[in-house]
C-alpha atoms as a PDB file:
ATOM      1  CA  UNK A   1       0.018   0.037   0.047  1.00  0.00           C
ATOM      2  CA  UNK A   2       1.718   3.169  -1.264  1.00  0.00           C
ATOM      3  CA  UNK A   3       1.205   6.888  -0.641  1.00  0.00           C
ATOM      4  CA  UNK A   4      -1.608   7.256  -3.037  1.00  0.00           C
ATOM      5  CA  UNK A   5      -3.602   4.551  -1.180  1.00  0.00           C
ATOM      6  CA  UNK A   6      -3.233   6.651   2.052  1.00  0.00           C
ATOM      7  CA  UNK A   7      -3.431  10.226   0.903  1.00  0.00           C
ATOM      8  CA  UNK A   8      -5.813  12.013  -1.645  1.00  0.00           C
ATOM      9  CA  UNK A   9      -3.059  13.540  -3.729  1.00  0.00           C
ATOM     10  CA  UNK A  10      -3.318  16.143  -6.560  1.00  0.00           C
ATOM     11  CA  UNK A  11      -2.106  13.561  -9.063  1.00  0.00           C
ATOM     12  CA  UNK A  12      -4.915  11.234  -8.166  1.00  0.00           C
ATOM     13  CA  UNK A  13      -7.360  14.014  -8.330  1.00  0.00           C
ATOM     14  CA  UNK A  14      -6.237  15.139 -11.733  1.00  0.00           C
ATOM     15  CA  UNK A  15      -6.335  11.626 -13.125  1.00  0.00           C
ATOM     16  CA  UNK A  16      -9.931  11.181 -11.930  1.00  0.00           C
ATOM     17  CA  UNK A  17     -10.973  14.371 -13.469  1.00  0.00           C
ATOM     18  CA  UNK A  18      -9.248  13.914 -16.824  1.00  0.00           C
ATOM     19  CA  UNK A  19      -8.753  10.185 -17.179  1.00  0.00           C
ATOM     20  CA  UNK A  20      -4.990  10.577 -17.625  1.00  0.00           C
ATOM     21  CA  UNK A  21      -1.907  11.938 -16.095  1.00  0.00           C
ATOM     22  CA  UNK A  22      -1.760  15.822 -15.857  1.00  0.00           C
ATOM     23  CA  UNK A  23       1.208  17.818 -14.977  1.00  0.00           C
ATOM     24  CA  UNK A  24       1.655  21.327 -13.413  1.00  0.00           C
ATOM     25  CA  UNK A  25       3.917  23.579 -15.501  1.00  0.00           C
ATOM     26  CA  UNK A  26       5.484  26.492 -13.516  1.00  0.00           C
ATOM     27  CA  UNK A  27       5.028  29.975 -15.057  1.00  0.00           C
ATOM     28  CA  UNK A  28       6.891  33.041 -13.785  1.00  0.00           C
ATOM     29  CA  UNK A  29       5.077  36.137 -15.171  1.00  0.00           C
ATOM     30  CA  UNK A  30       6.931  39.121 -13.747  1.00  0.00           C
ATOM     31  CA  UNK A  31       4.712  39.831 -10.809  1.00  0.00           C
ATOM     32  CA  UNK A  32       5.893  41.593  -7.483  1.00  0.00           C
ATOM     33  CA  UNK A  33       4.523  41.422  -4.116  1.00  0.00           C
ATOM     34  CA  UNK A  34       2.678  44.165  -2.011  1.00  0.00           C
ATOM     35  CA  UNK A  35       4.764  43.110   0.952  1.00  0.00           C
ATOM     36  CA  UNK A  36       7.900  44.165  -0.829  1.00  0.00           C
ATOM     37  CA  UNK A  37       6.973  47.275  -2.830  1.00  0.00           C
ATOM     38  CA  UNK A  38       5.710  49.321   0.173  1.00  0.00           C
ATOM     39  CA  UNK A  39       1.939  48.733  -0.387  1.00  0.00           C
ATOM     40  CA  UNK A  40       1.749  46.435   2.602  1.00  0.00           C
ATOM     41  CA  UNK A  41       5.330  46.357   3.655  1.00  0.00           C
ATOM     42  CA  UNK A  42       9.044  46.368   2.785  1.00  0.00           C
ATOM     43  CA  UNK A  43      11.415  43.408   2.653  1.00  0.00           C
ATOM     44  CA  UNK A  44       8.914  40.742   2.244  1.00  0.00           C
ATOM     45  CA  UNK A  45       8.362  37.780   4.501  1.00  0.00           C
ATOM     46  CA  UNK A  46      11.332  36.882   6.741  1.00  0.00           C
ATOM     47  CA  UNK A  47      11.720  33.510   5.158  1.00  0.00           C
ATOM     48  CA  UNK A  48      11.153  34.481   1.486  1.00  0.00           C
ATOM     49  CA  UNK A  49      13.813  34.430  -1.216  1.00  0.00           C
ATOM     50  CA  UNK A  50      11.737  33.603  -4.268  1.00  0.00           C
ATOM     51  CA  UNK A  51      14.807  32.131  -6.241  1.00  0.00           C
ATOM     52  CA  UNK A  52      14.647  29.240  -3.823  1.00  0.00           C
ATOM     53  CA  UNK A  53      11.533  27.970  -5.550  1.00  0.00           C
ATOM     54  CA  UNK A  54      11.579  29.893  -8.754  1.00  0.00           C
ATOM     55  CA  UNK A  55      15.099  29.756 -10.140  1.00  0.00           C
ATOM     56  CA  UNK A  56      14.231  31.580 -13.235  1.00  0.00           C
ATOM     57  CA  UNK A  57      13.806  34.847 -11.109  1.00  0.00           C
ATOM     58  CA  UNK A  58      11.146  37.397 -11.109  1.00  0.00           C
ATOM     59  CA  UNK A  59      10.336  37.403 -14.797  1.00  0.00           C
ATOM     60  CA  UNK A  60      10.831  34.049 -16.631  1.00  0.00           C
ATOM     61  CA  UNK A  61       9.843  35.649 -20.020  1.00  0.00           C
ATOM     62  CA  UNK A  62       7.056  34.988 -22.441  1.00  0.00           C
ATOM     63  CA  UNK A  63       4.329  32.809 -21.001  1.00  0.00           C
ATOM     64  CA  UNK A  64       3.931  30.686 -24.096  1.00  0.00           C
ATOM     65  CA  UNK A  65       7.726  30.057 -24.365  1.00  0.00           C
ATOM     66  CA  UNK A  66       7.918  28.969 -20.733  1.00  0.00           C
ATOM     67  CA  UNK A  67       5.032  26.488 -21.144  1.00  0.00           C
ATOM     68  CA  UNK A  68       6.552  25.113 -24.291  1.00  0.00           C
ATOM     69  CA  UNK A  69       9.761  24.541 -22.558  1.00  0.00           C
ATOM     70  CA  UNK A  70       7.933  22.781 -19.759  1.00  0.00           C
ATOM     71  CA  UNK A  71       5.923  20.590 -22.062  1.00  0.00           C
ATOM     72  CA  UNK A  72       9.183  19.443 -23.745  1.00  0.00           C
ATOM     73  CA  UNK A  73      10.541  18.365 -20.450  1.00  0.00           C
ATOM     74  CA  UNK A  74       7.461  16.543 -19.469  1.00  0.00           C
ATOM     75  CA  UNK A  75       7.067  14.722 -22.784  1.00  0.00           C
ATOM     76  CA  UNK A  76      10.638  13.406 -22.458  1.00  0.00           C
ATOM     77  CA  UNK A  77      10.059  12.194 -18.877  1.00  0.00           C
ATOM     78  CA  UNK A  78       6.512  10.858 -18.873  1.00  0.00           C
ATOM     79  CA  UNK A  79       4.890  11.500 -22.226  1.00  0.00           C
ATOM     80  CA  UNK A  80       1.933  13.278 -20.521  1.00  0.00           C
ATOM     81  CA  UNK A  81       0.075  15.624 -22.839  1.00  0.00           C
ATOM     82  CA  UNK A  82      -2.169  17.618 -20.441  1.00  0.00           C
ATOM     83  CA  UNK A  83      -1.074  20.441 -18.170  1.00  0.00           C
ATOM     84  CA  UNK A  84      -2.090  22.971 -15.522  1.00  0.00           C
ATOM     85  CA  UNK A  85      -0.389  26.289 -15.943  1.00  0.00           C
ATOM     86  CA  UNK A  86       0.797  27.224 -12.363  1.00  0.00           C
ATOM     87  CA  UNK A  87       1.519  30.933 -11.890  1.00  0.00           C
ATOM     88  CA  UNK A  88       3.763  30.512  -8.880  1.00  0.00           C
ATOM     89  CA  UNK A  89       6.359  33.185  -8.347  1.00  0.00           C
ATOM     90  CA  UNK A  90       5.389  36.153  -6.157  1.00  0.00           C
ATOM     91  CA  UNK A  91       1.771  37.340  -6.010  1.00  0.00           C
ATOM     92  CA  UNK A  92       0.124  36.290  -9.211  1.00  0.00           C
ATOM     93  CA  UNK A  93      -3.127  38.360  -8.894  1.00  0.00           C
ATOM     94  CA  UNK A  94      -1.334  41.487  -8.053  1.00  0.00           C
ATOM     95  CA  UNK A  95      -2.072  43.550 -11.181  1.00  0.00           C
ATOM     96  CA  UNK A  96      -4.853  45.182 -13.089  1.00  0.00           C
ATOM     97  CA  UNK A  97      -7.443  42.659 -14.228  1.00  0.00           C
ATOM     98  CA  UNK A  98      -6.796  43.499 -17.844  1.00  0.00           C
ATOM     99  CA  UNK A  99      -3.160  42.546 -17.517  1.00  0.00           C
ATOM    100  CA  UNK A 100      -4.097  39.338 -15.621  1.00  0.00           C
ATOM    101  CA  UNK A 101      -6.538  38.347 -18.404  1.00  0.00           C
ATOM    102  CA  UNK A 102      -3.809  38.724 -21.080  1.00  0.00           C
ATOM    103  CA  UNK A 103      -1.409  36.475 -19.097  1.00  0.00           C
ATOM    104  CA  UNK A 104      -3.976  33.932 -18.167  1.00  0.00           C
ATOM    105  CA  UNK A 105      -5.480  33.823 -21.678  1.00  0.00           C
ATOM    106  CA  UNK A 106      -1.950  33.325 -23.081  1.00  0.00           C
ATOM    107  CA  UNK A 107      -1.413  30.279 -20.872  1.00  0.00           C
ATOM    108  CA  UNK A 108      -4.720  28.648 -21.559  1.00  0.00           C
ATOM    109  CA  UNK A 109      -4.289  29.114 -25.340  1.00  0.00           C
ATOM    110  CA  UNK A 110      -1.247  26.758 -25.272  1.00  0.00           C
ATOM    111  CA  UNK A 111      -1.688  23.158 -26.463  1.00  0.00           C
ATOM    112  CA  UNK A 112      -2.615  20.735 -23.844  1.00  0.00           C
ATOM    113  CA  UNK A 113      -3.369  23.307 -21.041  1.00  0.00           C
ATOM    114  CA  UNK A 114      -6.539  22.363 -19.282  1.00  0.00           C
ATOM    115  CA  UNK A 115      -6.521  24.752 -16.313  1.00  0.00           C
ATOM    116  CA  UNK A 116      -4.833  27.257 -14.124  1.00  0.00           C
ATOM    117  CA  UNK A 117      -3.362  27.341 -10.630  1.00  0.00           C
ATOM    118  CA  UNK A 118      -2.917  30.793  -9.296  1.00  0.00           C
ATOM    119  CA  UNK A 119      -0.595  31.316  -6.354  1.00  0.00           C
ATOM    120  CA  UNK A 120      -1.358  34.533  -4.440  1.00  0.00           C
ATOM    121  CA  UNK A 121      -1.886  36.146  -0.976  1.00  0.00           C
ATOM    122  CA  UNK A 122      -5.239  36.342   0.789  1.00  0.00           C
ATOM    123  CA  UNK A 123      -5.147  40.209   0.682  1.00  0.00           C
ATOM    124  CA  UNK A 124      -4.706  40.428  -3.175  1.00  0.00           C
ATOM    125  CA  UNK A 125      -7.864  38.752  -4.471  1.00  0.00           C
ATOM    126  CA  UNK A 126     -10.520  41.482  -5.195  1.00  0.00           C
ATOM    127  CA  UNK A 127     -13.980  40.443  -6.618  1.00  0.00           C
ATOM    128  CA  UNK A 128     -12.955  41.390 -10.109  1.00  0.00           C
ATOM    129  CA  UNK A 129     -10.122  38.908 -10.003  1.00  0.00           C
ATOM    130  CA  UNK A 130     -12.331  36.113  -8.623  1.00  0.00           C
ATOM    131  CA  UNK A 131     -14.943  36.841 -11.305  1.00  0.00           C
ATOM    132  CA  UNK A 132     -12.265  36.574 -13.993  1.00  0.00           C
ATOM    133  CA  UNK A 133     -11.220  33.175 -12.661  1.00  0.00           C
ATOM    134  CA  UNK A 134     -14.882  32.085 -12.548  1.00  0.00           C
ATOM    135  CA  UNK A 135     -15.241  32.932 -16.244  1.00  0.00           C
ATOM    136  CA  UNK A 136     -12.451  30.416 -17.047  1.00  0.00           C
ATOM    137  CA  UNK A 137     -14.091  27.877 -14.929  1.00  0.00           C
ATOM    138  CA  UNK A 138     -17.410  28.423 -16.830  1.00  0.00           C
ATOM    139  CA  UNK A 139     -15.643  27.796 -20.068  1.00  0.00           C
ATOM    140  CA  UNK A 140     -14.614  24.294 -18.705  1.00  0.00           C
ATOM    141  CA  UNK A 141     -11.194  24.935 -17.476  1.00  0.00           C
ATOM    142  CA  UNK A 142     -10.047  23.659 -14.110  1.00  0.00           C
ATOM    143  CA  UNK A 143      -9.080  26.619 -11.828  1.00  0.00           C
ATOM    144  CA  UNK A 144      -7.348  26.469  -8.438  1.00  0.00           C
ATOM    145  CA  UNK A 145      -6.802  29.513  -6.403  1.00  0.00           C
ATOM    146  CA  UNK A 146      -3.849  28.893  -4.077  1.00  0.00           C
ATOM    147  CA  UNK A 147      -3.753  31.130  -0.998  1.00  0.00           C
ATOM    148  CA  UNK A 148      -0.578  31.445   1.088  1.00  0.00           C
ATOM    149  CA  UNK A 149      -1.910  31.623   4.704  1.00  0.00           C
ATOM    150  CA  UNK A 150       1.091  29.734   6.412  1.00  0.00           C
ATOM    151  CA  UNK A 151      -0.417  30.147   9.902  1.00  0.00           C
ATOM    152  CA  UNK A 152      -3.758  31.018  11.460  1.00  0.00           C
ATOM    153  CA  UNK A 153      -2.026  32.824  14.256  1.00  0.00           C
ATOM    154  CA  UNK A 154      -1.783  36.553  13.731  1.00  0.00           C
ATOM    155  CA  UNK A 155       1.127  36.807  16.217  1.00  0.00           C
ATOM    156  CA  UNK A 156       3.118  34.446  13.918  1.00  0.00           C
ATOM    157  CA  UNK A 157       2.227  36.205  10.706  1.00  0.00           C
ATOM    158  CA  UNK A 158       3.306  39.526  12.314  1.00  0.00           C
ATOM    159  CA  UNK A 159       6.541  37.817  13.518  1.00  0.00           C
ATOM    160  CA  UNK A 160       7.498  36.775  10.056  1.00  0.00           C
ATOM    161  CA  UNK A 161       6.342  40.077   8.481  1.00  0.00           C
ATOM    162  CA  UNK A 162       3.598  38.480   6.445  1.00  0.00           C
ATOM    163  CA  UNK A 163       1.591  41.698   6.076  1.00  0.00           C
ATOM    164  CA  UNK A 164      -1.815  40.271   6.588  1.00  0.00           C
ATOM    165  CA  UNK A 165      -3.802  38.376   9.217  1.00  0.00           C
ATOM    166  CA  UNK A 166      -6.272  35.458   9.390  1.00  0.00           C
ATOM    167  CA  UNK A 167      -9.184  37.784   8.845  1.00  0.00           C
ATOM    168  CA  UNK A 168      -8.005  38.513   5.188  1.00  0.00           C
ATOM    169  CA  UNK A 169      -7.692  34.751   4.606  1.00  0.00           C
ATOM    170  CA  UNK A 170     -11.218  34.156   5.915  1.00  0.00           C
ATOM    171  CA  UNK A 171     -12.710  36.843   3.738  1.00  0.00           C
ATOM    172  CA  UNK A 172     -10.905  35.629   0.620  1.00  0.00           C
ATOM    173  CA  UNK A 173     -11.928  31.989   1.129  1.00  0.00           C
ATOM    174  CA  UNK A 174     -15.556  32.864   1.688  1.00  0.00           C
ATOM    175  CA  UNK A 175     -15.710  35.070  -1.390  1.00  0.00           C
ATOM    176  CA  UNK A 176     -13.872  32.504  -3.548  1.00  0.00           C
ATOM    177  CA  UNK A 177     -15.725  29.461  -2.538  1.00  0.00           C
ATOM    178  CA  UNK A 178     -18.972  31.355  -2.488  1.00  0.00           C
ATOM    179  CA  UNK A 179     -18.437  31.576  -6.289  1.00  0.00           C
ATOM    180  CA  UNK A 180     -17.589  28.002  -6.623  1.00  0.00           C
ATOM    181  CA  UNK A 181     -13.878  28.275  -7.037  1.00  0.00           C
ATOM    182  CA  UNK A 182     -11.498  25.610  -5.666  1.00  0.00           C
ATOM    183  CA  UNK A 183      -9.159  26.907  -2.877  1.00  0.00           C
ATOM    184  CA  UNK A 184      -5.841  25.374  -1.930  1.00  0.00           C
ATOM    185  CA  UNK A 185      -4.430  26.689   1.298  1.00  0.00           C
ATOM    186  CA  UNK A 186      -0.544  26.796   1.918  1.00  0.00           C
ATOM    187  CA  UNK A 187       0.631  26.023   5.411  1.00  0.00           C
ATOM    188  CA  UNK A 188       4.262  26.226   6.660  1.00  0.00           C
ATOM    189  CA  UNK A 189       5.431  24.038   9.499  1.00  0.00           C
ATOM    190  CA  UNK A 190       8.158  25.188  11.854  1.00  0.00           C
ATOM    191  CA  UNK A 191       7.522  28.976  11.841  1.00  0.00           C
ATOM    192  CA  UNK A 192       9.339  30.925  14.518  1.00  0.00           C
ATOM    193  CA  UNK A 193       7.615  30.509  17.921  1.00  0.00           C
ATOM    194  CA  UNK A 194       5.283  27.777  16.733  1.00  0.00           C
ATOM    195  CA  UNK A 195       4.974  24.136  17.829  1.00  0.00           C
ATOM    196  CA  UNK A 196       3.037  21.154  16.346  1.00  0.00           C
ATOM    197  CA  UNK A 197       0.152  22.382  18.572  1.00  0.00           C
ATOM    198  CA  UNK A 198      -0.117  25.515  16.490  1.00  0.00           C
ATOM    199  CA  UNK A 199      -0.156  23.445  13.355  1.00  0.00           C
ATOM    200  CA  UNK A 200      -3.123  21.450  14.457  1.00  0.00           C
ATOM    201  CA  UNK A 201      -4.882  24.627  15.520  1.00  0.00           C
ATOM    202  CA  UNK A 202      -4.094  26.228  12.079  1.00  0.00           C
ATOM    203  CA  UNK A 203      -5.615  23.201  10.397  1.00  0.00           C
ATOM    204  CA  UNK A 204      -8.700  23.284  12.561  1.00  0.00           C
ATOM    205  CA  UNK A 205      -9.228  26.965  11.581  1.00  0.00           C
ATOM    206  CA  UNK A 206      -8.618  26.342   7.935  1.00  0.00           C
ATOM    207  CA  UNK A 207     -11.032  23.357   7.807  1.00  0.00           C
ATOM    208  CA  UNK A 208     -13.543  25.365   9.798  1.00  0.00           C
ATOM    209  CA  UNK A 209     -13.573  28.010   7.118  1.00  0.00           C
ATOM    210  CA  UNK A 210     -13.466  25.368   4.304  1.00  0.00           C
ATOM    211  CA  UNK A 211     -10.737  24.511   1.883  1.00  0.00           C
ATOM    212  CA  UNK A 212     -10.547  22.151  -1.044  1.00  0.00           C
ATOM    213  CA  UNK A 213      -6.848  21.595  -1.067  1.00  0.00           C
ATOM    214  CA  UNK A 214      -3.805  21.841   1.185  1.00  0.00           C
ATOM    215  CA  UNK A 215      -0.141  22.379   0.640  1.00  0.00           C
ATOM    216  CA  UNK A 216       2.344  21.543   3.530  1.00  0.00           C
ATOM    217  CA  UNK A 217       5.718  23.160   3.578  1.00  0.00           C
ATOM    218  CA  UNK A 218       8.629  22.795   6.049  1.00  0.00           C
ATOM    219  CA  UNK A 219      10.232  26.130   6.844  1.00  0.00           C
ATOM    220  CA  UNK A 220      13.712  26.172   5.504  1.00  0.00           C
ATOM    221  CA  UNK A 221      16.390  28.708   5.813  1.00  0.00           C
ATOM    222  CA  UNK A 222      17.698  30.226   2.555  1.00  0.00           C
ATOM    223  CA  UNK A 223      20.321  32.917   1.774  1.00  0.00           C
ATOM    224  CA  UNK A 224      19.405  36.531   1.604  1.00  0.00           C
ATOM    225  CA  UNK A 225      16.588  36.475   4.130  1.00  0.00           C
ATOM    226  CA  UNK A 226      15.998  37.869   7.570  1.00  0.00           C
ATOM    227  CA  UNK A 227      15.458  34.325   8.820  1.00  0.00           C
ATOM    228  CA  UNK A 228      18.990  33.428   7.683  1.00  0.00           C
ATOM    229  CA  UNK A 229      20.385  36.155   9.891  1.00  0.00           C
ATOM    230  CA  UNK A 230      18.102  34.863  12.866  1.00  0.00           C
ATOM    231  CA  UNK A 231      19.338  31.257  12.259  1.00  0.00           C
ATOM    232  CA  UNK A 232      23.092  32.375  12.217  1.00  0.00           C
ATOM    233  CA  UNK A 233      22.575  34.349  15.416  1.00  0.00           C
ATOM    234  CA  UNK A 234      20.971  31.279  17.083  1.00  0.00           C
ATOM    235  CA  UNK A 235      17.556  32.828  17.328  1.00  0.00           C
ATOM    236  CA  UNK A 236      15.805  30.208  15.201  1.00  0.00           C
ATOM    237  CA  UNK A 237      16.150  26.393  15.237  1.00  0.00           C
ATOM    238  CA  UNK A 238      14.707  24.603  12.212  1.00  0.00           C
ATOM    239  CA  UNK A 239      12.554  21.541  12.824  1.00  0.00           C
ATOM    240  CA  UNK A 240      14.186  18.051  12.361  1.00  0.00           C
ATOM    241  CA  UNK A 241      13.000  15.688   9.723  1.00  0.00           C
ATOM    242  CA  UNK A 242      11.302  13.581  12.442  1.00  0.00           C
ATOM    243  CA  UNK A 243       9.430  16.597  13.906  1.00  0.00           C
ATOM    244  CA  UNK A 244       8.259  17.569  10.435  1.00  0.00           C
ATOM    245  CA  UNK A 245       7.115  14.034   9.375  1.00  0.00           C
ATOM    246  CA  UNK A 246       5.276  13.394  12.682  1.00  0.00           C
ATOM    247  CA  UNK A 247       3.310  16.640  12.421  1.00  0.00           C
ATOM    248  CA  UNK A 248       2.609  16.169   8.674  1.00  0.00           C
ATOM    249  CA  UNK A 249       1.183  12.679   9.320  1.00  0.00           C
ATOM    250  CA  UNK A 250      -0.889  14.015  12.219  1.00  0.00           C
ATOM    251  CA  UNK A 251      -2.426  16.603   9.912  1.00  0.00           C
ATOM    252  CA  UNK A 252      -2.992  14.017   7.175  1.00  0.00           C
ATOM    253  CA  UNK A 253      -4.837  11.847   9.652  1.00  0.00           C
ATOM    254  CA  UNK A 254      -6.968  14.827  10.786  1.00  0.00           C
ATOM    255  CA  UNK A 255      -7.919  16.088   7.177  1.00  0.00           C
ATOM    256  CA  UNK A 256     -11.219  14.852   5.570  1.00  0.00           C
ATOM    257  CA  UNK A 257     -10.605  12.439   2.692  1.00  0.00           C
ATOM    258  CA  UNK A 258     -12.091  14.706   0.113  1.00  0.00           C
ATOM    259  CA  UNK A 259      -9.553  17.518   0.600  1.00  0.00           C
ATOM    260  CA  UNK A 260      -6.738  17.325  -1.947  1.00  0.00           C
ATOM    261  CA  UNK A 261      -3.156  17.428  -0.839  1.00  0.00           C
ATOM    262  CA  UNK A 262      -1.271  19.400  -3.524  1.00  0.00           C
ATOM    263  CA  UNK A 263       2.031  18.984  -1.769  1.00  0.00           C
ATOM    264  CA  UNK A 264       3.505  17.289   1.369  1.00  0.00           C
ATOM    265  CA  UNK A 265       6.817  18.992   1.432  1.00  0.00           C
ATOM    266  CA  UNK A 266       8.903  21.613  -0.289  1.00  0.00           C
ATOM    267  CA  UNK A 267      12.575  21.831  -1.142  1.00  0.00           C
ATOM    268  CA  UNK A 268      15.245  24.402  -1.864  1.00  0.00           C
ATOM    269  CA  UNK A 269      18.457  23.988  -3.723  1.00  0.00           C
ATOM    270  CA  UNK A 270      22.030  24.545  -2.595  1.00  0.00           C
ATOM    271  CA  UNK A 271      23.810  26.941  -2.363  1.00  0.00           C
ATOM    272  CA  UNK A 272      20.621  28.929  -1.457  1.00  0.00           C
ATOM    273  CA  UNK A 273      19.579  26.378   1.173  1.00  0.00           C
ATOM    274  CA  UNK A 274      21.243  26.908   4.480  1.00  0.00           C
ATOM    275  CA  UNK A 275      19.239  24.656   6.805  1.00  0.00           C
ATOM    276  CA  UNK A 276      17.922  22.185   7.424  1.00  0.00           C
ATOM    277  CA  UNK A 277      19.825  19.862   5.097  1.00  0.00           C
ATOM    278  CA  UNK A 278      17.007  17.388   4.657  1.00  0.00           C
ATOM    279  CA  UNK A 279      15.061  20.180   2.817  1.00  0.00           C
ATOM    280  CA  UNK A 280      17.351  19.567  -0.256  1.00  0.00           C
ATOM    281  CA  UNK A 281      15.667  16.144  -0.969  1.00  0.00           C
ATOM    282  CA  UNK A 282      12.060  15.882  -1.743  1.00  0.00           C
ATOM    283  CA  UNK A 283      11.971  12.156  -1.821  1.00  0.00           C
ATOM    284  CA  UNK A 284      13.694  11.767   1.575  1.00  0.00           C
ATOM    285  CA  UNK A 285      10.692  13.538   3.102  1.00  0.00           C
ATOM    286  CA  UNK A 286       7.988  11.897   0.970  1.00  0.00           C
ATOM    287  CA  UNK A 287       9.387   8.403   1.683  1.00  0.00           C
ATOM    288  CA  UNK A 288       9.637   9.200   5.516  1.00  0.00           C
ATOM    289  CA  UNK A 289       5.962  10.381   5.467  1.00  0.00           C
ATOM    290  CA  UNK A 290       4.836   7.234   3.590  1.00  0.00           C
ATOM    291  CA  UNK A 291       6.827   5.031   5.913  1.00  0.00           C
ATOM    292  CA  UNK A 292       5.242   6.756   8.984  1.00  0.00           C
ATOM    293  CA  UNK A 293       1.719   6.332   7.523  1.00  0.00           C
ATOM    294  CA  UNK A 294       2.587   2.650   7.011  1.00  0.00           C
ATOM    295  CA  UNK A 295       3.892   2.155  10.580  1.00  0.00           C
ATOM    296  CA  UNK A 296       0.868   3.825  12.054  1.00  0.00           C
ATOM    297  CA  UNK A 297      -1.311   1.791   9.626  1.00  0.00           C
ATOM    298  CA  UNK A 298      -3.278   5.054   9.038  1.00  0.00           C
ATOM    299  CA  UNK A 299      -4.555   7.262   6.276  1.00  0.00           C
ATOM    300  CA  UNK A 300      -6.023  10.643   5.484  1.00  0.00           C
ATOM    301  CA  UNK A 301      -9.175  11.262   7.481  1.00  0.00           C
ATOM    302  CA  UNK A 302      -8.616   8.318   9.992  1.00  0.00           C
ATOM    303  CA  UNK A 303      -8.668  10.494  13.023  1.00  0.00           C
ATOM    304  CA  UNK A 304     -11.354  13.179  13.428  1.00  0.00           C
ATOM    305  CA  UNK A 305      -9.939  16.618  14.128  1.00  0.00           C
ATOM    306  CA  UNK A 306     -10.631  17.846  17.639  1.00  0.00           C
ATOM    307  CA  UNK A 307      -9.444  21.418  18.032  1.00  0.00           C
ATOM    308  CA  UNK A 308      -7.446  21.698  21.225  1.00  0.00           C
ATOM    309  CA  UNK A 309      -8.221  24.715  23.474  1.00  0.00           C
ATOM    310  CA  UNK A 310      -5.874  24.046  26.199  1.00  0.00           C
ATOM    311  CA  UNK A 311      -3.312  26.714  25.894  1.00  0.00           C
ATOM    312  CA  UNK A 312      -4.191  30.109  27.465  1.00  0.00           C
ATOM    313  CA  UNK A 313      -4.394  33.105  25.187  1.00  0.00           C
ATOM    314  CA  UNK A 314      -3.729  31.173  21.878  1.00  0.00           C
ATOM    315  CA  UNK A 315      -7.243  31.014  20.665  1.00  0.00           C
ATOM    316  CA  UNK A 316      -7.416  34.865  20.398  1.00  0.00           C
ATOM    317  CA  UNK A 317      -4.251  34.941  18.460  1.00  0.00           C
ATOM    318  CA  UNK A 318      -5.703  32.872  15.542  1.00  0.00           C
ATOM    319  CA  UNK A 319      -8.715  35.102  14.943  1.00  0.00           C
END
């Protein structure tokens, strides 16, 4: 019994929808972030160096050319012919709607592209943007709105200079899902000041609001960030692989079976990655999660989520 027998993964979900394998192709379209340009803040999140997950940088060039390059790689590796265009780098709804439409239209016009996955912040999804995404869905394209929440605790979000709180996330989710859009929520494990208890509380809050998908990320320390300075000064200790795996498996058990896991870990490449070393290897983490699920003889949804209210003061922090 493998991972796909225990976790409702995105790969399985896409295969059920389309009857064949579908790949996500990453697009970098030259967006910026309101937490870097002064609209919401300066310097960005304390952990963020976008090059750690978008090596092509801020602007990867023409959308069609990027997707063509991605298609060629996938065809050589797997032969799959259907794709989701994933606008990943920075805040991919942070522009005028007319500009967004040009970029999204260009992606959907490419051969084999059957949908969009739009990575953004909860404070950057006005109604006009949501309506644009709904229009693609009404034309038969699959659309995922990926919201970077990271934590439900406002104190944590302020600590990492996130520039928004849980209220913005709640509002964005309610407006998006009220229009029938699929929402995937990004959560980071190991944020400064947080413990596995905080992760369970965050999951409880996210499930209470309603989400269709989840992405789990370990916090890794990369060059060129405030977190890197804190790590060097001994102010931050990254989680161990065992800590991350145990918490990820707890959350998988507590997540209803219909929720789609888009990702169970994230990596960064050296020399950008400073710590922890295990974040350099995706399959080290995936295999450890699968083995832990096997040892527990458990699966997604096996353990009902029971929000814990036993730490004084923390409930107010996540509202």
